[in-house]
């Protein structure tokens, strides 16, 4: 299950690239944690289904 890892790395890359702007950083923080949360929820739903 590579989905959580992918969203974590994508989020950290986004944060790393846009570190200079504090407003953009806050938005990416939301996207970053939203991505982790949704991917874990998706993984949990897939596991529950089986």
N, C-alpha and C. Protein backbone atom coordinates (compact mmCIF):
# COMPACT_ATOMS: atom_id res chain seq x y z
N UNK A 1 0.85 -1.20 0.00
CA UNK A 1 0.00 0.00 0.00
C UNK A 1 0.89 1.25 0.00
N UNK A 2 1.10 1.80 -1.18
CA UNK A 2 2.06 2.90 -1.34
C UNK A 2 1.40 4.28 -1.27
N UNK A 3 0.08 4.32 -1.14
CA UNK A 3 -0.64 5.60 -1.20
C UNK A 3 -0.25 6.58 -0.10
N UNK A 4 -0.22 6.17 1.19
CA UNK A 4 0.16 7.12 2.24
C UNK A 4 1.56 7.68 2.04
N UNK A 5 2.51 6.81 1.68
CA UNK A 5 3.90 7.24 1.48
C UNK A 5 3.99 8.26 0.34
N UNK A 6 3.25 8.01 -0.74
CA UNK A 6 3.26 8.93 -1.88
C UNK A 6 2.76 10.31 -1.50
N UNK A 7 1.68 10.36 -0.74
CA UNK A 7 1.12 11.66 -0.35
C UNK A 7 2.03 12.38 0.64
N UNK A 8 2.71 11.60 1.50
CA UNK A 8 3.64 12.21 2.46
C UNK A 8 4.82 12.84 1.71
N UNK A 9 5.40 12.10 0.76
CA UNK A 9 6.55 12.63 0.02
C UNK A 9 6.15 13.81 -0.86
N UNK A 10 4.98 13.73 -1.47
CA UNK A 10 4.48 14.83 -2.30
C UNK A 10 4.24 16.08 -1.45
N UNK A 11 3.67 15.88 -0.27
CA UNK A 11 3.42 17.00 0.64
C UNK A 11 4.69 17.65 1.13
N UNK A 12 5.69 16.80 1.47
CA UNK A 12 6.95 17.36 1.98
C UNK A 12 7.72 18.08 0.88
N UNK A 13 7.62 17.58 -0.36
CA UNK A 13 8.25 18.26 -1.51
C UNK A 13 7.59 19.62 -1.73
N UNK A 14 6.26 19.66 -1.67
CA UNK A 14 5.52 20.93 -1.81
C UNK A 14 5.93 21.93 -0.75
N UNK A 15 6.01 21.46 0.50
CA UNK A 15 6.41 22.33 1.61
C UNK A 15 7.85 22.81 1.41
N UNK A 16 8.73 21.90 0.97
CA UNK A 16 10.13 22.26 0.76
C UNK A 16 10.28 23.32 -0.34
N UNK A 17 9.52 23.15 -1.43
CA UNK A 17 9.61 24.08 -2.56
C UNK A 17 9.06 25.46 -2.21
N UNK A 18 7.99 25.50 -1.42
CA UNK A 18 7.32 26.77 -1.14
C UNK A 18 7.56 27.25 0.29
N UNK A 19 8.75 26.93 0.81
CA UNK A 19 9.11 27.27 2.18
C UNK A 19 9.19 28.78 2.39
N UNK A 20 9.54 29.53 1.35
CA UNK A 20 9.76 30.96 1.47
C UNK A 20 8.51 31.75 1.84
N UNK A 21 7.36 31.35 1.31
CA UNK A 21 6.12 32.09 1.53
C UNK A 21 5.33 31.47 2.69
N UNK A 22 5.16 32.20 3.80
CA UNK A 22 4.46 31.63 4.96
C UNK A 22 2.99 31.33 4.70
N UNK A 23 2.34 32.15 3.86
CA UNK A 23 0.93 31.93 3.56
C UNK A 23 0.76 30.66 2.73
N UNK A 24 1.60 30.52 1.70
CA UNK A 24 1.57 29.33 0.86
C UNK A 24 1.90 28.09 1.69
N UNK A 25 2.83 28.25 2.63
CA UNK A 25 3.23 27.15 3.51
C UNK A 25 2.05 26.64 4.33
N UNK A 26 1.25 27.56 4.87
CA UNK A 26 0.08 27.17 5.66
C UNK A 26 -0.93 26.41 4.82
N UNK A 27 -1.16 26.88 3.59
CA UNK A 27 -2.09 26.21 2.67
C UNK A 27 -1.58 24.80 2.36
N UNK A 28 -0.28 24.68 2.09
CA UNK A 28 0.30 23.38 1.80
C UNK A 28 0.28 22.45 3.00
N UNK A 29 0.35 23.03 4.19
CA UNK A 29 0.24 22.25 5.41
C UNK A 29 -1.12 21.56 5.48
N UNK A 30 -2.17 22.31 5.10
CA UNK A 30 -3.52 21.75 5.05
C UNK A 30 -3.60 20.64 4.00
N UNK A 31 -3.07 20.90 2.80
CA UNK A 31 -3.08 19.92 1.72
C UNK A 31 -2.30 18.67 2.12
N UNK A 32 -1.15 18.90 2.77
CA UNK A 32 -0.26 17.83 3.21
C UNK A 32 -0.97 16.88 4.18
N UNK A 33 -1.57 17.44 5.23
CA UNK A 33 -2.25 16.61 6.22
C UNK A 33 -3.56 16.05 5.67
N UNK A 34 -4.22 16.81 4.81
CA UNK A 34 -5.43 16.32 4.16
C UNK A 34 -5.14 15.11 3.28
N UNK A 35 -4.03 15.17 2.57
CA UNK A 35 -3.60 14.07 1.71
C UNK A 35 -3.29 12.81 2.51
N UNK A 36 -2.58 12.98 3.62
CA UNK A 36 -2.26 11.85 4.49
C UNK A 36 -3.54 11.24 5.06
N UNK A 37 -4.40 12.10 5.58
CA UNK A 37 -5.63 11.64 6.21
C UNK A 37 -6.52 10.89 5.23
N UNK A 38 -6.72 11.47 4.04
CA UNK A 38 -7.61 10.86 3.05
C UNK A 38 -7.03 9.55 2.52
N UNK A 39 -5.70 9.48 2.35
CA UNK A 39 -5.10 8.26 1.84
C UNK A 39 -5.15 7.13 2.87
N UNK A 40 -4.97 7.48 4.15
CA UNK A 40 -5.10 6.46 5.20
C UNK A 40 -6.54 5.98 5.32
N UNK A 41 -7.49 6.90 5.18
CA UNK A 41 -8.91 6.55 5.20
C UNK A 41 -9.25 5.63 4.03
N UNK A 42 -8.71 5.94 2.87
CA UNK A 42 -8.92 5.13 1.67
C UNK A 42 -8.34 3.73 1.87
N UNK A 43 -7.12 3.67 2.42
CA UNK A 43 -6.46 2.39 2.68
C UNK A 43 -7.27 1.57 3.68
N UNK A 44 -7.76 2.21 4.73
CA UNK A 44 -8.57 1.55 5.76
C UNK A 44 -9.86 1.00 5.17
N UNK A 45 -10.49 1.79 4.29
CA UNK A 45 -11.73 1.36 3.65
C UNK A 45 -11.49 0.15 2.74
N UNK A 46 -10.36 0.17 2.03
CA UNK A 46 -10.01 -0.96 1.16
C UNK A 46 -9.74 -2.22 1.98
N UNK A 47 -9.05 -2.07 3.11
CA UNK A 47 -8.77 -3.21 3.98
C UNK A 47 -10.06 -3.75 4.60
N UNK A 48 -10.95 -2.84 4.98
CA UNK A 48 -12.22 -3.22 5.61
C UNK A 48 -13.10 -3.98 4.62
N UNK A 49 -13.02 -3.59 3.35
CA UNK A 49 -13.85 -4.20 2.32
C UNK A 49 -13.47 -5.67 2.10
N UNK A 50 -12.18 -5.98 2.22
CA UNK A 50 -11.72 -7.35 1.97
C UNK A 50 -11.98 -8.29 3.14
